[in-house]
Protein backbone atom coordinates (compact mmCIF):
# COMPACT_ATOMS: atom_id res chain seq x y z
CA MET A 1 0.00 0.00 0.00
CA LYS A 2 1.37 3.40 -1.00
CA SER A 3 1.65 5.81 1.93
CA SER A 4 1.19 9.57 1.54
CA LEU A 5 1.76 12.68 3.62
CA TRP A 6 -1.14 15.01 4.39
CA ILE A 7 -1.50 18.37 6.09
CA GLU A 8 -4.73 18.93 8.00
CA GLU A 9 -6.10 22.29 9.14
CA PHE A 10 -8.99 22.23 11.57
CA GLN A 11 -11.72 24.78 10.88
CA SER A 12 -13.58 24.07 14.10
CA ASP A 13 -13.96 21.26 16.59
CA HIS A 14 -16.02 19.37 14.06
CA SER A 15 -14.46 19.89 10.59
CA SER A 16 -11.15 20.21 8.81
CA TYR A 17 -9.42 20.47 5.44
CA LYS A 18 -6.74 17.99 4.32
CA PHE A 19 -4.14 18.45 1.58
CA GLU A 20 -1.80 15.84 0.15
CA ILE A 21 1.84 16.92 0.29
CA GLU A 22 4.56 15.88 -2.14
CA LYS A 23 7.49 17.43 -0.29
CA THR A 24 8.53 20.14 2.14
CA LEU A 25 10.40 23.01 0.48
CA PHE A 26 11.11 25.08 3.59
CA SER A 27 10.54 24.77 7.31
CA GLY A 28 11.72 27.24 9.93
CA GLN A 29 10.90 28.90 13.23
CA SER A 30 11.16 32.68 13.33
CA GLU A 31 10.94 34.76 16.50
CA PHE A 32 7.23 35.14 15.75
CA GLN A 33 5.92 31.88 14.31
CA SER A 34 6.66 28.66 12.45
CA VAL A 35 6.95 29.12 8.69
CA ASP A 36 6.55 26.28 6.19
CA VAL A 37 6.38 26.06 2.41
CA VAL A 38 5.24 22.75 0.96
CA GLN A 39 4.53 21.39 -2.50
CA THR A 40 1.01 20.00 -2.59
CA LYS A 41 -0.42 17.61 -5.15
CA GLY A 42 -3.55 19.57 -5.96
CA HIS A 43 -2.93 23.20 -5.01
CA GLY A 44 0.68 23.93 -5.98
CA LYS A 45 2.99 25.48 -3.43
CA MET A 46 1.46 26.33 -0.07
CA LEU A 47 2.59 28.73 2.68
CA LEU A 48 1.67 27.94 6.28
CA ASN A 49 2.24 30.11 9.35
CA ASP A 50 1.93 28.27 12.66
CA GLY A 51 0.36 25.42 10.72
CA LEU A 52 -2.40 27.60 9.25
CA ILE A 53 -2.75 27.93 5.49
CA MET A 54 -1.94 31.41 4.22
CA VAL A 55 -1.52 30.98 0.47
CA THR A 56 -1.70 28.34 -2.22
CA GLU A 57 -0.66 28.89 -5.81
CA ARG A 58 -3.95 27.51 -7.08
CA ASP A 59 -6.29 30.05 -5.48
CA GLU A 60 -4.19 32.97 -4.18
CA PHE A 61 -5.55 35.21 -6.93
CA ALA A 62 -9.00 35.31 -5.32
CA TYR A 63 -7.76 36.86 -2.08
CA HIS A 64 -5.22 39.19 -3.67
CA ASP A 65 -7.59 40.42 -6.37
CA MET A 66 -10.27 41.29 -3.87
CA ILE A 67 -8.16 42.93 -1.18
CA ALA A 68 -6.45 45.20 -3.70
CA HIS A 69 -8.70 46.01 -6.64
CA VAL A 70 -11.93 46.76 -4.79
CA PRO A 71 -10.54 49.83 -2.96
CA LEU A 72 -8.15 50.83 -5.74
CA PHE A 73 -11.00 51.08 -8.26
CA VAL A 74 -13.14 53.04 -5.80
CA HIS A 75 -10.53 55.66 -4.93
CA PRO A 76 -10.35 58.00 -7.95
CA ASN A 77 -6.59 58.46 -7.97
CA PRO A 78 -4.64 56.20 -5.58
CA LYS A 79 -0.98 57.17 -5.63
CA ASN A 80 0.44 56.14 -2.28
CA VAL A 81 -0.62 52.74 -0.90
CA LEU A 82 0.34 51.03 2.36
CA VAL A 83 0.19 47.27 2.92
CA ILE A 84 0.45 46.01 6.49
CA GLY A 85 1.54 42.36 6.49
CA GLY A 86 1.20 40.54 3.19
CA GLY A 87 4.55 38.77 3.45
CA ASP A 88 3.86 36.47 0.51
CA GLY A 89 3.88 39.54 -1.78
CA GLY A 90 0.63 38.90 -3.64
CA THR A 91 -1.14 42.03 -2.42
CA ALA A 92 1.77 44.31 -3.36
CA ARG A 93 1.91 42.57 -6.74
CA GLU A 94 -1.70 43.51 -7.46
CA VAL A 95 -1.38 47.05 -6.09
CA ILE A 96 1.39 48.07 -8.47
CA ARG A 97 -0.56 46.87 -11.48
CA HIS A 98 -2.48 50.13 -11.15
CA ALA A 99 -0.77 52.79 -13.24
CA SER A 100 -1.73 55.59 -10.85
CA VAL A 101 0.14 54.00 -7.93
CA GLU A 102 3.50 55.70 -7.53
CA LYS A 103 4.60 53.80 -4.42
CA CYS A 104 3.46 50.76 -2.47
CA THR A 105 4.96 50.59 1.01
CA MET A 106 4.73 47.12 2.53
CA VAL A 107 5.49 46.59 6.23
CA GLU A 108 5.88 42.93 7.18
CA ILE A 109 7.06 41.92 10.63
CA ASP A 110 8.48 38.49 9.77
CA LYS A 111 11.49 38.45 7.45
CA MET A 112 11.43 34.66 7.33
CA VAL A 113 8.03 34.71 5.59
CA VAL A 114 9.26 37.17 2.97
CA ASP A 115 12.50 35.29 2.34
CA ALA A 116 10.75 31.92 2.11
CA CYS A 117 8.24 33.26 -0.42
CA ILE A 118 10.89 35.02 -2.51
CA GLU A 119 12.80 31.76 -2.74
CA HIS A 120 9.95 29.30 -3.16
CA ILE A 121 6.76 31.13 -4.27
CA PRO A 122 7.76 33.65 -6.94
CA GLN A 123 4.17 33.61 -8.25
CA THR A 124 3.22 35.93 -5.40
CA SER A 125 6.57 37.47 -4.42
CA LYS A 126 7.96 38.38 -7.85
CA ASP A 127 7.44 42.14 -7.47
CA LEU A 128 8.73 42.61 -3.92
CA THR A 129 12.05 43.91 -5.23
CA GLY A 130 10.46 46.21 -7.82
CA ASP A 131 11.09 49.95 -8.03
CA ARG A 132 7.62 50.94 -6.82
CA VAL A 133 7.58 48.61 -3.80
CA ASN A 134 9.14 49.91 -0.61
CA LEU A 135 9.56 46.76 1.47
CA ILE A 136 10.09 47.36 5.19
CA ILE A 137 10.75 44.51 7.59
CA GLY A 138 9.26 45.84 10.79
CA ASP A 139 6.30 46.20 13.09
CA GLY A 140 3.29 47.60 11.24
CA VAL A 141 1.71 48.85 14.47
CA LYS A 142 4.83 50.87 15.29
CA PHE A 143 5.11 52.09 11.70
CA VAL A 144 1.63 53.60 11.50
CA LYS A 145 2.05 55.23 14.91
CA GLU A 146 5.30 56.95 13.91
CA THR A 147 5.07 57.64 10.17
CA LYS A 148 4.45 61.14 8.85
CA GLU A 149 3.35 59.85 5.44
CA LYS A 150 -0.22 60.00 4.23
CA PHE A 151 -1.71 57.13 2.23
CA ASP A 152 -4.65 57.04 -0.15
CA VAL A 153 -5.38 53.36 0.49
CA ILE A 154 -4.24 51.11 3.34
CA LEU A 155 -4.58 47.33 3.08
CA VAL A 156 -4.31 45.29 6.27
CA ASP A 157 -3.29 41.88 4.92
CA SER A 158 -3.11 40.05 8.24
CA THR A 159 -3.54 36.57 9.61
CA ASP A 160 -6.10 35.76 12.29
CA PRO A 161 -5.69 37.72 15.57
CA ILE A 162 -3.14 35.33 17.04
CA GLY A 163 0.62 35.63 17.38
CA PRO A 164 2.18 38.62 15.58
CA ALA A 165 -1.18 39.72 14.12
CA THR A 166 -2.91 40.23 17.48
CA PRO A 167 -2.21 44.00 17.72
CA LEU A 168 -3.72 44.49 14.24
CA PHE A 169 -7.18 43.93 15.74
CA GLY A 170 -7.15 46.83 18.20
CA THR A 171 -8.78 50.26 18.41
CA GLU A 172 -5.52 52.16 18.83
CA PHE A 173 -4.11 50.59 15.67
CA TYR A 174 -7.10 51.71 13.60
CA GLU A 175 -7.00 55.18 15.08
CA ASP A 176 -3.39 55.40 13.93
CA LEU A 177 -4.40 54.09 10.49
CA LYS A 178 -7.02 56.81 10.21
CA ASN A 179 -4.39 59.42 11.02
CA CYS A 180 -2.20 58.01 8.22
CA LEU A 181 -4.93 58.38 5.61
CA THR A 182 -5.46 61.25 3.25
CA ASP A 183 -8.74 63.13 3.64
CA ASP A 184 -10.43 60.75 1.20
CA GLY A 185 -8.60 57.58 2.21
CA ILE A 186 -9.82 53.98 2.40
CA VAL A 187 -8.81 51.11 4.71
CA VAL A 188 -9.50 47.50 3.74
CA SER A 189 -8.78 44.73 6.24
CA GLN A 190 -8.92 40.95 6.23
CA GLY A 191 -12.35 40.34 7.77
CA GLU A 192 -12.43 36.65 8.69
CA SER A 193 -14.95 33.89 7.93
CA PRO A 194 -18.65 34.67 8.32
CA TRP A 195 -19.13 30.96 9.10
CA TYR A 196 -16.42 30.23 11.65
CA GLN A 197 -15.05 33.52 13.04
CA THR A 198 -18.20 35.57 13.56
CA ASP A 199 -17.15 36.81 17.00
CA ILE A 200 -13.79 38.02 15.67
CA GLN A 201 -15.50 39.59 12.66
CA LYS A 202 -18.04 41.44 14.81
CA GLY A 203 -15.29 42.60 17.16
CA LEU A 204 -13.27 44.05 14.28
CA ILE A 205 -16.28 45.83 12.80
CA LYS A 206 -17.19 47.33 16.20
CA ILE A 207 -13.65 48.73 16.41
CA LEU A 208 -13.96 50.19 12.92
CA ASP A 209 -17.35 51.69 13.77
CA ASN A 210 -15.74 53.54 16.67
CA VAL A 211 -13.09 55.03 14.39
CA PHE A 212 -14.75 55.52 10.98
CA SER A 213 -18.15 56.91 10.07
CA ASP A 214 -18.73 54.49 7.18
CA VAL A 215 -17.94 50.78 7.44
CA PHE A 216 -18.89 48.06 4.96
CA LEU A 217 -18.24 44.34 4.49
CA TYR A 218 -17.70 42.43 1.26
CA THR A 219 -17.13 38.76 0.54
CA PHE A 220 -15.35 36.44 -1.86
CA SER A 221 -14.85 32.69 -2.15
CA ASN A 222 -11.73 30.59 -2.39
CA LEU A 223 -10.66 26.99 -1.99
CA THR A 224 -8.45 26.86 1.05
CA TYR A 225 -9.80 29.14 3.79
CA PRO A 226 -12.24 27.74 6.36
CA GLY A 227 -15.76 27.65 4.93
CA SER A 228 -14.52 28.88 1.52
CA LEU A 229 -16.47 32.13 2.04
CA TRP A 230 -14.29 34.93 3.35
CA SER A 231 -14.61 38.66 3.89
CA PHE A 232 -12.93 42.04 3.90
CA THR A 233 -13.96 45.15 5.80
CA PHE A 234 -14.08 48.46 3.93
CA ALA A 235 -13.73 51.60 6.08
CA THR A 236 -13.80 54.93 4.33
CA LYS A 237 -13.51 58.63 5.00
CA LYS A 238 -15.42 59.65 1.89
CA TYR A 239 -16.15 57.17 -0.89
CA HIS A 240 -19.01 54.70 -1.00
CA PRO A 241 -17.73 51.33 -2.30
CA THR A 242 -20.48 50.88 -4.90
CA LYS A 243 -22.08 54.31 -5.41
CA ASP A 244 -18.68 55.90 -6.07
CA PHE A 245 -17.47 52.98 -8.17
CA ASN A 246 -17.23 53.57 -11.92
CA PRO A 247 -17.24 50.23 -13.79
CA ASN A 248 -15.74 51.88 -16.85
CA ARG A 249 -12.49 52.38 -14.95
CA VAL A 250 -12.04 48.60 -14.78
CA VAL A 251 -12.56 48.25 -18.53
CA GLU A 252 -10.39 51.25 -19.36
CA SER A 253 -7.54 49.99 -17.18
CA GLY A 254 -6.89 47.17 -19.65
CA LEU A 255 -6.04 44.88 -16.73
CA ASP A 256 -6.97 41.21 -16.82
CA PHE A 257 -7.95 39.44 -13.60
CA ASP A 258 -8.61 35.84 -12.64
CA TYR A 259 -11.29 36.67 -10.04
CA TYR A 260 -12.14 40.37 -9.94
CA ASN A 261 -14.30 42.12 -12.54
CA LYS A 262 -16.69 45.08 -12.61
CA SER A 263 -19.72 42.92 -11.80
CA ILE A 264 -17.99 41.03 -8.99
CA HIS A 265 -17.08 44.39 -7.44
CA SER A 266 -20.66 45.42 -6.79
CA ALA A 267 -21.95 41.91 -6.16
CA ALA A 268 -19.40 41.36 -3.38
CA PHE A 269 -21.22 43.94 -1.23
CA ALA A 270 -24.56 42.14 -1.63
CA LEU A 271 -24.43 40.06 1.52
CA PRO A 272 -26.39 36.88 2.29
CA ASN A 273 -29.09 37.43 4.87
CA PHE A 274 -27.38 35.38 7.57
CA ILE A 275 -24.41 37.78 7.46
CA ARG A 276 -26.65 40.86 7.41
CA LYS A 277 -28.59 39.57 10.41
CA ASN A 278 -25.43 38.74 12.32
CA LEU A 279 -24.01 42.21 11.65
CA GLU A 280 -27.24 44.17 11.96
CA GLY A 281 -26.57 47.73 13.03
CA LEU A 282 -22.81 47.40 12.50
CA ILE A 283 -22.43 47.83 8.75
CA LYS A 284 -24.09 49.88 6.03
CA ASN A 285 -23.90 47.90 2.73
CA ASP A 286 -26.78 49.89 1.24
């Protein structure tokens, strides 16, 4: 009988995902977390932090398309963009596809994640050394508290609120983010699973509601995150994510996407009723 190696990630006490592994490409322990890159049989290369799946080559485009292009096509002229986290490089890759973006500053706390992805997952990390990407290995919380720069769009590409990502789910952090924004700035954050992390999701939105006047939620699907339905929060100083969205900008950009398109943009804010009921009074989405 042929034996095989599998990685299993538990979504809850009652369910899990399993992936067949061909070989381990990298395994290390940074000062923050364990970092592994493996070659899977069905999903290409996979990055795991503390045993949790962050990225697979097969479906990374869904997450990176939706965290980047939704706010960048709402803001009329995004020039200066900040990414907090995003060590695999996929978010920065999508940001600099926009011709208006002059600089993308990316602040990632764990150098091991960046180095492992540059070496083993160039699909996502290929643009981290580009001229328009300012890669900073450092604490994003400290950066936003101390920086004097102003950003048009800020993308919080974080893991769940455990380990090094814990401070990224606090009121003080989002107050500092608001201070870093231009007068018409937008903040998009990883918003967790509406199936499995509802308490975390509601907690994050309550924090955003205390800091921003307008907070929205939008969803997308992928293969490898718990429940396959995932979300982003959209906090804004000025622009409505659908009413101020011009679909013609997507067409005129000439960009080709694997997940995002002008129809997906608006549809992503049309939430299923179970999410609307769970978040009643916390989000707008109208």
